[in-house]
């Protein structure tokens, strides 16, 4: 009797595929259990050892590399880098080795590691030899991460746009590709595009995208929504939450609580992250540190400002999704009398604005310079540019900065303080609103300037307050009073009152005369 295929030492094709799939599931379960037990290095070693053995089964190898990349993304940088370097000591085939090298370069780039450029060159050389698609994707992600660490958002956008996350081969890397694209959109101020991208992923629910959506809400002033989503996600206890995602959610919760004036609750959330003092692992917590620097009770004892500035000089990645973090660091440095730190942060923001020439970053650079130099012209320019963006908390902060600038005109400071208070109220930041209200009260108690008998009275457009100038400019451009009120974050009644004052000061009676008067002043 002839031997069956099994007895002869061979398996039918279907059985071979089933056996490989079962083996893969067991390996994945083992790796996941090790990672959840805090043994990430061992999890990476288990997968890397199997990759080294899987030289003939391309599909099996691709699945293993995908899971390896997923665990790398979930681990802290020191564990990921150590595990990947250990994997390189195994007898990997050229294609697997090129992918692992690209993963090492990507982790290094995200943290601003000084060896990033050399690692990217090594990964590029290995990919040129192997031609592997997986290494090509991770090499592109590494190059995009490097661009982000240097504030070159257009460069990162160009690299990521060439990737196709919807193909079968890229499905394991799709969440990372989408997350990086959303980060770029947030940095460019394209908040609507970022919102659409986080709300329609073809994959299952992705907590990484949820964290980015929370950051988007913080950036545009949807504070109650951001806090609710962050608390729900963080308290879900999901095993899929990476350290980076947890750190971002903590930053969101702390930011909203500070803006609401709930300082004790914010400190309770943030204190746990201050214990992370090892680089590069602490770079995951930089957004939370940027929140904590506004509170001297947390930042001063820990020397937090010095740490944050040093890490941002390695990589500005953490400044990109929430625009007001940069000026906040300058503000904290000036309050602490640390002009060196204020100068270094301002230079960083200016570098990003040079490499990413969009109104958002031009405004942040102006605001940072205005805070550092006490320059009301720079702060005024920042306010005007931020009005063209959706970054309402950044606008409110810039208005308050202008209101507290000692060299600002008294009337201008009063208008800015009132507008800041109204805007803080609108975005759900009663704590910051209280600060703006106190500034309003201080300015109201300051005697108004009375022109001397030798000083000629101001006439025409020169007699308008800054707030009246903004209303006049919008109405002369064709906006309705309702549209002007919505854009300037004030009430319809306020715009109506200011318009009557404008007519009186300009000696006119209707909108057509306003258009003509405004055109004459701009010639």
Protein backbone atom coordinates (compact mmCIF):
# COMPACT_ATOMS: atom_id res chain seq x y z
CA UNK A 1 0.00 0.00 0.00
CA UNK A 2 1.37 3.43 -0.96
CA UNK A 3 2.21 5.96 1.75
CA UNK A 4 -0.14 8.85 2.34
CA UNK A 5 1.25 12.34 1.81
CA UNK A 6 1.35 12.82 5.59
CA UNK A 7 3.31 9.65 6.21
CA UNK A 8 5.69 10.58 3.41
CA UNK A 9 6.64 13.77 5.30
CA UNK A 10 4.63 16.20 3.16
CA UNK A 11 1.40 18.08 3.80
CA UNK A 12 -1.30 19.07 1.35
CA UNK A 13 -1.20 22.78 0.46
CA UNK A 14 -4.35 23.58 2.48
CA UNK A 15 -2.93 21.86 5.55
CA UNK A 16 0.38 23.70 5.17
CA UNK A 17 -1.43 27.05 5.04
CA UNK A 18 -3.60 26.11 8.04
CA UNK A 19 -0.56 24.99 10.05
CA UNK A 20 1.31 28.26 9.30
CA UNK A 21 -1.72 30.30 10.27
CA UNK A 22 -2.18 28.44 13.53
CA UNK A 23 1.51 28.80 14.33
CA UNK A 24 1.28 32.53 13.57
CA UNK A 25 -1.72 32.98 15.89
CA UNK A 26 0.15 31.20 18.69
CA UNK A 27 3.19 33.41 18.17
CA UNK A 28 1.08 36.56 18.15
CA UNK A 29 -0.72 35.51 21.32
CA UNK A 30 2.59 34.79 23.03
CA UNK A 31 4.08 38.12 21.93
CA UNK A 32 0.99 40.03 23.10
CA UNK A 33 1.05 38.31 26.51
CA UNK A 34 4.72 39.16 26.94
CA UNK A 35 4.15 42.80 26.01
CA UNK A 36 1.20 43.15 28.39
CA UNK A 37 3.36 41.64 31.14
CA UNK A 38 5.91 44.41 30.61
CA UNK A 39 8.34 42.17 28.72
CA UNK A 40 8.39 44.00 25.41
CA UNK A 41 11.98 43.02 24.58
CA UNK A 42 11.07 39.33 24.81
CA UNK A 43 7.98 39.86 22.66
CA UNK A 44 10.10 41.47 19.94
CA UNK A 45 12.68 38.67 20.20
CA UNK A 46 10.03 35.95 19.76
CA UNK A 47 8.80 37.56 16.55
CA UNK A 48 12.28 38.35 15.23
CA UNK A 49 13.45 34.76 15.82
CA UNK A 50 10.48 33.45 13.81
CA UNK A 51 11.19 35.95 11.03
CA UNK A 52 14.76 34.65 10.86
CA UNK A 53 13.41 31.11 10.43
CA UNK A 54 10.72 32.04 7.89
CA UNK A 55 12.80 32.30 4.74
CA UNK A 56 10.49 30.48 2.34
CA UNK A 57 7.00 31.63 3.30
CA UNK A 58 6.66 35.24 2.07
CA UNK A 59 3.11 35.70 3.38
CA UNK A 60 4.05 34.39 6.83
CA UNK A 61 7.10 36.67 6.93
CA UNK A 62 5.01 39.70 5.94
CA UNK A 63 2.52 39.03 8.75
CA UNK A 64 5.35 38.65 11.26
CA UNK A 65 7.01 41.91 10.17
CA UNK A 66 3.67 43.68 10.44
CA UNK A 67 3.13 42.48 14.01
CA UNK A 68 6.73 43.36 14.87
CA UNK A 69 6.11 46.92 13.67
CA UNK A 70 2.86 47.13 15.67
CA UNK A 71 4.58 46.12 18.92
CA UNK A 72 7.43 48.54 18.23
CA UNK A 73 4.83 51.32 17.94
CA UNK A 74 3.29 50.32 21.28
CA UNK A 75 6.56 50.17 23.21
CA UNK A 76 8.59 53.01 24.66
CA UNK A 77 11.54 54.07 22.47
CA UNK A 78 14.34 52.48 24.55
CA UNK A 79 12.64 49.08 24.49
CA UNK A 80 11.80 49.35 20.79
CA UNK A 81 15.33 50.34 19.79
CA UNK A 82 16.96 47.68 21.98
CA UNK A 83 14.62 44.98 20.70
CA UNK A 84 15.16 45.90 17.06
CA UNK A 85 18.94 46.04 17.45
CA UNK A 86 18.84 42.61 19.04
CA UNK A 87 16.81 41.40 16.07
CA UNK A 88 19.53 42.63 13.71
CA UNK A 89 21.95 40.21 15.37
CA UNK A 90 19.85 37.27 14.16
CA UNK A 91 20.38 35.65 10.76
CA UNK A 92 17.75 37.67 8.91
CA UNK A 93 17.38 37.51 5.16
CA UNK A 94 18.19 40.73 3.26
CA UNK A 95 14.56 41.81 2.89
CA UNK A 96 13.73 41.33 6.57
CA UNK A 97 16.95 43.05 7.60
CA UNK A 98 16.18 46.09 5.45
CA UNK A 99 12.72 46.39 7.07
CA UNK A 100 14.13 46.13 10.60
CA UNK A 101 16.75 48.76 9.78
CA UNK A 102 13.99 51.05 8.51
CA UNK A 103 12.04 50.48 11.74
CA UNK A 104 15.11 51.43 13.80
CA UNK A 105 15.54 54.62 11.76
CA UNK A 106 11.84 55.51 12.18
CA UNK A 107 11.92 55.17 15.97
CA UNK A 108 15.12 57.24 16.09
CA UNK A 109 13.62 59.93 13.86
CA UNK A 110 10.48 60.26 15.97
CA UNK A 111 12.56 60.96 19.09
CA UNK A 112 15.12 63.23 17.43
CA UNK A 113 17.96 60.75 17.98
CA UNK A 114 21.34 62.22 16.90
CA UNK A 115 22.07 59.11 14.78
CA UNK A 116 18.88 59.47 12.73
CA UNK A 117 20.53 60.58 9.48
CA UNK A 118 23.11 57.78 9.60
CA UNK A 119 20.40 55.20 10.37
CA UNK A 120 18.27 56.43 7.49
CA UNK A 121 21.26 56.13 5.14
CA UNK A 122 21.91 52.55 6.30
CA UNK A 123 18.23 51.69 5.87
CA UNK A 124 18.21 53.27 2.41
CA UNK A 125 21.26 51.26 1.34
CA UNK A 126 19.71 48.03 2.62
CA UNK A 127 16.44 48.76 0.83
CA UNK A 128 18.25 49.50 -2.44
CA UNK A 129 19.75 46.01 -2.23
CA UNK A 130 16.61 44.13 -1.20
CA UNK A 131 13.86 46.12 -2.94
CA UNK A 132 11.38 45.03 -0.27
CA UNK A 133 7.99 46.81 -0.19
CA UNK A 134 7.75 46.69 3.61
CA UNK A 135 11.16 48.32 4.01
CA UNK A 136 10.13 50.97 1.44
CA UNK A 137 7.08 51.90 3.54
CA UNK A 138 9.00 52.08 6.79
CA UNK A 139 11.84 53.97 5.16
CA UNK A 140 9.28 56.52 3.93
CA UNK A 141 7.78 56.73 7.43
CA UNK A 142 11.27 57.29 8.82
CA UNK A 143 11.96 60.08 6.36
CA UNK A 144 8.59 61.69 7.13
CA UNK A 145 9.31 61.43 10.86
CA UNK A 146 12.65 63.15 10.33
CA UNK A 147 10.93 65.98 8.44
CA UNK A 148 8.43 66.35 11.28
CA UNK A 149 11.18 66.46 13.90
CA UNK A 150 12.71 69.41 11.98
CA UNK A 151 9.38 71.21 11.50
CA UNK A 152 9.26 70.56 7.75
CA UNK A 153 5.57 69.76 7.43
CA UNK A 154 5.39 70.20 3.64
CA UNK A 155 8.28 67.73 3.28
CA UNK A 156 6.56 65.17 5.49
CA UNK A 157 3.30 65.69 3.60
CA UNK A 158 5.00 64.99 0.26
CA UNK A 159 6.56 61.74 1.54
CA UNK A 160 3.38 60.45 3.19
CA UNK A 161 1.21 61.31 0.18
CA UNK A 162 3.10 58.73 -1.87
CA UNK A 163 2.17 55.89 0.51
CA UNK A 164 -0.90 53.73 -0.13
CA UNK A 165 -2.31 52.55 3.22
CA UNK A 166 -5.32 50.81 1.64
CA UNK A 167 -3.40 48.04 -0.14
CA UNK A 168 -3.33 44.53 1.33
CA UNK A 169 0.44 44.60 1.79
CA UNK A 170 0.29 47.87 3.76
CA UNK A 171 -2.68 47.08 5.98
CA UNK A 172 -0.47 46.38 9.02
CA UNK A 173 1.14 49.82 8.64
CA UNK A 174 -2.08 51.66 7.71
CA UNK A 175 -2.81 53.02 11.23
CA UNK A 176 0.69 54.52 11.46
CA UNK A 177 0.47 56.06 7.98
CA UNK A 178 -2.92 57.60 8.76
CA UNK A 179 -1.79 58.89 12.14
CA UNK A 180 1.26 60.58 10.62
CA UNK A 181 -0.91 62.16 7.91
CA UNK A 182 -3.30 63.52 10.53
CA UNK A 183 -0.39 64.92 12.54
CA UNK A 184 0.76 66.76 9.40
CA UNK A 185 -2.75 68.14 8.80
CA UNK A 186 -2.93 69.40 12.38
CA UNK A 187 0.46 71.06 12.04
CA UNK A 188 -0.59 72.76 8.81
CA UNK A 189 -3.76 74.06 10.46
CA UNK A 190 -6.02 71.92 8.27
CA UNK A 191 -8.27 70.97 11.15
CA UNK A 192 -11.31 70.06 9.06
CA UNK A 193 -9.23 67.60 7.01
CA UNK A 194 -7.85 66.13 10.22
CA UNK A 195 -11.34 65.76 11.64
CA UNK A 196 -12.56 63.95 8.53
CA UNK A 197 -9.55 61.61 8.61
CA UNK A 198 -10.06 60.63 12.26
CA UNK A 199 -13.78 60.00 11.83
CA UNK A 200 -13.73 57.73 8.80
CA UNK A 201 -10.94 55.17 9.17
CA UNK A 202 -11.66 51.97 7.25
CA UNK A 203 -10.05 49.98 10.05
CA UNK A 204 -11.64 49.18 13.38
CA UNK A 205 -11.70 51.77 16.15
CA UNK A 206 -8.17 53.15 16.50
CA UNK A 207 -7.20 54.70 19.81
CA UNK A 208 -4.22 56.45 18.24
CA UNK A 209 -6.55 58.37 15.95
CA UNK A 210 -8.80 59.09 18.92
CA UNK A 211 -5.90 60.75 20.75
CA UNK A 212 -5.13 62.86 17.69
CA UNK A 213 -8.76 63.86 17.45
CA UNK A 214 -8.61 64.99 21.09
CA UNK A 215 -5.58 67.13 20.24
CA UNK A 216 -7.47 68.61 17.30
CA UNK A 217 -10.35 69.55 19.59
CA UNK A 218 -7.94 71.20 22.03
CA UNK A 219 -6.37 73.15 19.15
CA UNK A 220 -9.69 74.51 17.83
CA UNK A 221 -11.32 75.12 21.20
CA UNK A 222 -13.73 72.20 21.56
CA UNK A 223 -12.56 71.74 25.13
CA UNK A 224 -15.48 69.94 26.82
CA UNK A 225 -15.65 67.45 23.96
CA UNK A 226 -11.91 66.85 24.07
CA UNK A 227 -11.88 66.17 27.81
CA UNK A 228 -14.88 63.84 27.67
CA UNK A 229 -13.41 61.75 24.86
CA UNK A 230 -9.94 61.63 26.46
CA UNK A 231 -11.29 60.55 29.86
CA UNK A 232 -13.50 57.88 28.28
CA UNK A 233 -10.66 56.49 26.18
CA UNK A 234 -8.13 56.52 29.00
CA UNK A 235 -10.49 54.93 31.52
CA UNK A 236 -11.47 52.16 29.11
CA UNK A 237 -8.35 50.26 30.16
CA UNK A 238 -7.73 49.10 26.62
CA UNK A 239 -4.64 46.94 26.27
CA UNK A 240 -4.10 48.49 22.86
CA UNK A 241 -3.26 51.89 24.31
CA UNK A 242 0.39 52.62 23.71
CA UNK A 243 2.44 54.75 26.10
CA UNK A 244 2.40 57.55 23.55
CA UNK A 245 -1.40 57.50 23.30
CA UNK A 246 -1.73 57.50 27.09
CA UNK A 247 0.65 60.45 27.29
CA UNK A 248 -1.35 62.42 24.72
CA UNK A 249 -4.64 61.74 26.52
CA UNK A 250 -3.11 62.86 29.83
CA UNK A 251 -1.93 66.06 28.14
CA UNK A 252 -5.45 66.72 26.80
CA UNK A 253 -7.10 66.18 30.19
CA UNK A 254 -4.54 68.35 31.97
CA UNK A 255 -4.86 71.15 29.39
CA UNK A 256 -8.64 71.30 29.63
CA UNK A 257 -8.65 71.23 33.42
CA UNK A 258 -6.16 74.07 33.64
CA UNK A 259 -8.20 76.14 31.20
CA UNK A 260 -11.28 75.44 33.28
CA UNK A 261 -9.46 76.64 36.41
CA UNK A 262 -9.41 73.16 38.00
CA UNK A 263 -5.74 73.33 38.93
CA UNK A 264 -5.71 70.68 41.64
CA UNK A 265 -7.35 68.15 39.33
CA UNK A 266 -4.89 69.02 36.55
CA UNK A 267 -1.92 68.55 38.88
CA UNK A 268 -3.25 65.19 40.02
CA UNK A 269 -3.39 64.01 36.40
CA UNK A 270 0.01 65.36 35.41
CA UNK A 271 2.14 64.53 38.46
CA UNK A 272 2.56 60.89 37.45
CA UNK A 273 4.21 61.82 34.16
CA UNK A 274 6.82 64.06 35.80
CA UNK A 275 8.66 60.97 37.07
CA UNK A 276 9.75 60.09 33.52
CA UNK A 277 13.22 61.59 33.36
CA UNK A 278 15.06 59.37 30.89
CA UNK A 279 15.61 60.37 27.30
CA UNK A 280 14.33 59.30 24.76
CA UNK A 281 11.41 57.76 26.67
CA UNK A 282 10.40 61.09 28.19
CA UNK A 283 9.82 62.53 24.69
CA UNK A 284 6.48 60.68 24.73
CA UNK A 285 5.45 62.98 27.59
CA UNK A 286 6.61 66.27 26.07
CA UNK A 287 3.03 67.39 25.23
CA UNK A 288 2.08 66.82 28.88
CA UNK A 289 5.17 68.73 29.97
CA UNK A 290 4.09 71.62 27.70
CA UNK A 291 0.83 71.69 29.66
CA UNK A 292 2.55 71.50 33.05
CA UNK A 293 4.93 74.43 32.41
CA UNK A 294 2.04 76.87 32.88
CA UNK A 295 1.92 75.81 36.55
CA UNK A 296 4.98 76.87 38.61
CA UNK A 297 3.93 74.43 41.34
CA UNK A 298 4.73 71.56 38.94
CA UNK A 299 7.35 72.93 36.58
CA UNK A 300 9.70 74.88 38.86
CA UNK A 301 10.66 72.06 41.29
CA UNK A 302 11.25 69.64 38.41
CA UNK A 303 13.22 72.03 36.19
CA UNK A 304 10.64 71.12 33.59
CA UNK A 305 11.17 74.09 31.29
CA UNK A 306 14.86 73.31 30.80
CA UNK A 307 14.06 69.68 30.03
CA UNK A 308 11.32 70.52 27.53
CA UNK A 309 13.43 73.09 25.67
CA UNK A 310 16.35 70.64 25.40
CA UNK A 311 14.11 67.86 24.04
CA UNK A 312 12.37 70.17 21.57
CA UNK A 313 15.74 71.10 20.13
CA UNK A 314 16.11 67.43 19.25
CA UNK A 315 12.61 67.24 17.77
CA UNK A 316 9.79 69.81 17.50
CA UNK A 317 7.26 67.05 16.80
CA UNK A 318 5.39 67.69 20.06
CA UNK A 319 4.74 71.35 19.16
CA UNK A 320 3.02 70.56 15.88
CA UNK A 321 -0.55 69.42 16.73
CA UNK A 322 -1.41 72.07 19.37
CA UNK A 323 -0.28 75.50 18.13
CA UNK A 324 -0.36 77.44 21.40
CA UNK A 325 2.26 75.23 23.09
CA UNK A 326 5.15 77.19 21.52
CA UNK A 327 4.13 80.66 22.75
CA UNK A 328 3.17 79.12 26.10
CA UNK A 329 6.75 77.97 26.62
CA UNK A 330 8.01 81.47 25.78
CA UNK A 331 5.48 82.95 28.21
CA UNK A 332 6.57 80.55 30.96
CA UNK A 333 10.24 81.32 30.31
CA UNK A 334 9.69 85.08 30.50
CA UNK A 335 7.67 84.69 33.71
CA UNK A 336 10.57 82.70 35.20
CA UNK A 337 13.10 85.29 34.05
CA UNK A 338 14.76 82.73 31.77
CA UNK A 339 15.41 84.84 28.68
CA UNK A 340 17.77 82.20 27.27
CA UNK A 341 14.98 79.59 27.17
CA UNK A 342 12.58 82.17 25.73
CA UNK A 343 15.04 82.92 22.94
CA UNK A 344 15.65 79.25 22.16
CA UNK A 345 11.93 78.42 21.93
CA UNK A 346 11.27 81.49 19.79
CA UNK A 347 14.03 80.39 17.42
CA UNK A 348 12.45 76.94 17.16
CA UNK A 349 9.04 78.37 16.31
CA UNK A 350 10.64 80.67 13.74
CA UNK A 351 12.43 77.69 12.14
CA UNK A 352 9.10 75.86 11.79
CA UNK A 353 7.45 78.97 10.32
CA UNK A 354 10.28 79.19 7.76
CA UNK A 355 10.00 75.53 6.77
CA UNK A 356 6.20 75.54 6.98
CA UNK A 357 5.15 78.94 5.58
CA UNK A 358 1.45 78.97 6.52
CA UNK A 359 -0.48 81.71 8.40
CA UNK A 360 -0.69 79.58 11.55
CA UNK A 361 3.07 79.29 12.02
CA UNK A 362 3.76 82.85 10.91
CA UNK A 363 1.33 83.94 13.65
CA UNK A 364 2.98 81.74 16.27
CA UNK A 365 6.40 83.12 15.35
CA UNK A 366 5.07 86.69 15.69
CA UNK A 367 3.46 85.86 19.02
CA UNK A 368 6.63 84.25 20.37
CA UNK A 369 8.72 87.26 19.33
CA UNK A 370 6.14 89.63 20.80
CA UNK A 371 6.25 87.82 24.15
CA UNK A 372 10.04 87.67 24.18
CA UNK A 373 10.57 91.31 23.22
CA UNK A 374 7.44 92.88 24.70
CA UNK A 375 6.58 94.07 21.19
CA UNK A 376 2.91 95.01 20.71
CA UNK A 377 3.34 95.24 16.93
CA UNK A 378 4.37 91.57 16.77
CA UNK A 379 1.49 90.57 19.04
CA UNK A 380 -0.92 92.62 16.94
CA UNK A 381 0.33 90.86 13.81
CA UNK A 382 -0.12 87.47 15.52
CA UNK A 383 -3.72 88.30 16.42
CA UNK A 384 -4.53 89.39 12.87
CA UNK A 385 -3.07 86.19 11.38
CA UNK A 386 -4.68 83.90 13.94
CA UNK A 387 -8.07 85.34 12.99
CA UNK A 388 -7.66 83.61 9.63
CA UNK A 389 -7.22 80.20 11.31
CA UNK A 390 -9.42 77.86 13.34
CA UNK A 391 -7.01 77.96 16.31
CA UNK A 392 -9.35 79.78 18.70
CA UNK A 393 -7.44 79.05 21.96
CA UNK A 394 -4.27 80.37 20.32
CA UNK A 395 -6.16 83.51 19.26
CA UNK A 396 -7.56 84.02 22.76
CA UNK A 397 -4.09 83.60 24.26
CA UNK A 398 -2.60 86.08 21.77
CA UNK A 399 -5.32 88.61 22.60
CA UNK A 400 -4.58 88.26 26.30
CA UNK A 401 -0.84 88.62 25.58
CA UNK A 402 -1.60 91.87 23.76
CA UNK A 403 -3.80 93.03 26.63
CA UNK A 404 -0.98 92.44 29.13
CA UNK A 405 1.80 93.93 26.97
CA UNK A 406 3.07 97.05 28.82
CA UNK A 407 3.70 98.86 25.55
CA UNK A 408 0.22 98.31 24.10
CA UNK A 409 -2.11 101.29 23.82
CA UNK A 410 -4.60 101.46 26.68
CA UNK A 411 -7.67 101.32 24.45
CA UNK A 412 -6.19 98.50 22.42
CA UNK A 413 -5.36 96.55 25.59
CA UNK A 414 -8.91 96.98 26.92
CA UNK A 415 -10.46 95.78 23.66
CA UNK A 416 -8.11 92.80 23.51
CA UNK A 417 -8.83 91.80 27.11
CA UNK A 418 -12.60 91.97 26.59
CA UNK A 419 -12.39 89.96 23.37
CA UNK A 420 -10.12 87.37 25.01
CA UNK A 421 -12.57 86.95 27.90
CA UNK A 422 -15.49 86.50 25.48
CA UNK A 423 -13.58 83.97 23.43
CA UNK A 424 -12.47 81.97 26.48
CA UNK A 425 -16.11 81.84 27.58
CA UNK A 426 -17.13 80.58 24.15
CA UNK A 427 -14.62 77.70 24.07
CA UNK A 428 -15.38 76.54 27.61
CA UNK A 429 -12.31 77.89 29.45
CA UNK A 430 -13.70 79.65 32.57
CA UNK A 431 -10.32 79.55 34.30
CA UNK A 432 -8.65 81.51 31.53
CA UNK A 433 -11.73 83.72 31.25
CA UNK A 434 -11.27 84.71 34.90
CA UNK A 435 -7.68 85.77 34.14
CA UNK A 436 -8.87 87.89 31.21
CA UNK A 437 -11.66 89.38 33.33
CA UNK A 438 -9.13 90.40 35.98
CA UNK A 439 -7.08 92.10 33.28
CA UNK A 440 -10.22 93.91 32.13
CA UNK A 441 -10.81 95.11 35.68
CA UNK A 442 -7.20 96.28 36.04
CA UNK A 443 -7.39 98.22 32.79
CA UNK A 444 -10.75 99.74 33.74
CA UNK A 445 -9.17 101.04 36.94
CA UNK A 446 -6.37 102.69 34.98
CA UNK A 447 -7.10 106.36 34.21
CA UNK A 448 -7.82 106.89 30.54
CA UNK A 449 -5.47 109.10 28.58
CA UNK A 450 -6.79 112.62 28.15
CA UNK A 451 -5.26 114.63 25.30
CA UNK A 452 -3.52 117.81 26.39
CA UNK A 453 -4.59 121.20 25.06
CA UNK A 454 -1.51 121.17 22.81
CA UNK A 455 -2.30 117.70 21.37
CA UNK A 456 -4.50 117.85 18.25
CA UNK A 457 -7.59 115.65 18.51
CA UNK A 458 -7.56 112.47 16.43
CA UNK A 459 -9.95 112.54 13.49
CA UNK A 460 -11.35 110.11 10.95
CA UNK A 461 -9.95 106.59 10.88
CA UNK A 462 -7.26 107.54 13.41
CA UNK A 463 -10.01 108.09 15.97
CA UNK A 464 -11.23 104.46 15.71
CA UNK A 465 -10.30 101.95 18.38
CA UNK A 466 -8.60 98.70 17.23
CA UNK A 467 -11.89 96.83 17.69
CA UNK A 468 -13.74 99.43 15.61
CA UNK A 469 -11.06 99.18 12.92
CA UNK A 470 -11.60 95.42 12.66
CA UNK A 471 -15.37 95.86 12.36
CA UNK A 472 -15.00 98.66 9.80
CA UNK A 473 -12.59 96.59 7.71
CA UNK A 474 -14.89 93.56 7.63
CA UNK A 475 -18.04 95.55 6.87
CA UNK A 476 -16.27 97.56 4.17
CA UNK A 477 -15.19 94.25 2.60
CA UNK A 478 -18.83 93.16 2.32
CA UNK A 479 -19.47 91.17 5.50
CA UNK A 480 -22.80 91.47 7.26
CA UNK A 481 -22.98 92.50 10.91
CA UNK A 482 -23.89 88.93 11.83
CA UNK A 483 -20.89 87.54 9.91
CA UNK A 484 -18.58 90.10 11.53
CA UNK A 485 -19.86 89.18 15.00
CA UNK A 486 -19.29 85.48 14.32
CA UNK A 487 -15.75 85.99 12.94
CA UNK A 488 -14.72 88.34 15.76
CA UNK A 489 -16.33 86.20 18.50
CA UNK A 490 -18.46 89.08 19.79
CA UNK A 491 -22.21 89.65 19.97
CA UNK A 492 -24.31 91.17 17.22
CA UNK A 493 -25.19 93.99 19.64
CA UNK A 494 -21.48 94.79 20.11
CA UNK A 495 -20.93 95.05 16.36
CA UNK A 496 -24.03 97.21 15.97
CA UNK A 497 -22.84 99.57 18.74
CA UNK A 498 -19.35 99.77 17.25
CA UNK A 499 -20.78 100.51 13.79
CA UNK A 500 -22.74 103.50 15.12
CA UNK A 501 -19.54 104.77 16.74
CA UNK A 502 -17.67 104.28 13.45
CA UNK A 503 -20.27 106.29 11.53
CA UNK A 504 -20.08 109.09 14.10
CA UNK A 505 -16.28 109.28 14.08
CA UNK A 506 -16.04 109.16 10.30
CA UNK A 507 -18.91 111.58 9.77
CA UNK A 508 -20.84 109.18 7.52
CA UNK A 509 -24.32 107.69 7.50
CA UNK A 510 -24.37 104.43 5.54
CA UNK A 511 -22.42 101.38 4.37
CA UNK A 512 -21.61 102.78 0.94
CA UNK A 513 -19.94 105.80 2.50
CA UNK A 514 -18.00 103.45 4.80
CA UNK A 515 -16.69 101.50 1.79
CA UNK A 516 -15.52 104.71 0.10
CA UNK A 517 -13.95 106.08 3.30
CA UNK A 518 -12.11 102.81 3.90
CA UNK A 519 -10.85 102.64 0.33
CA UNK A 520 -9.43 106.18 0.67
CA UNK A 521 -7.49 105.22 3.81
CA UNK A 522 -5.91 102.22 2.05
CA UNK A 523 -4.59 104.13 -0.96
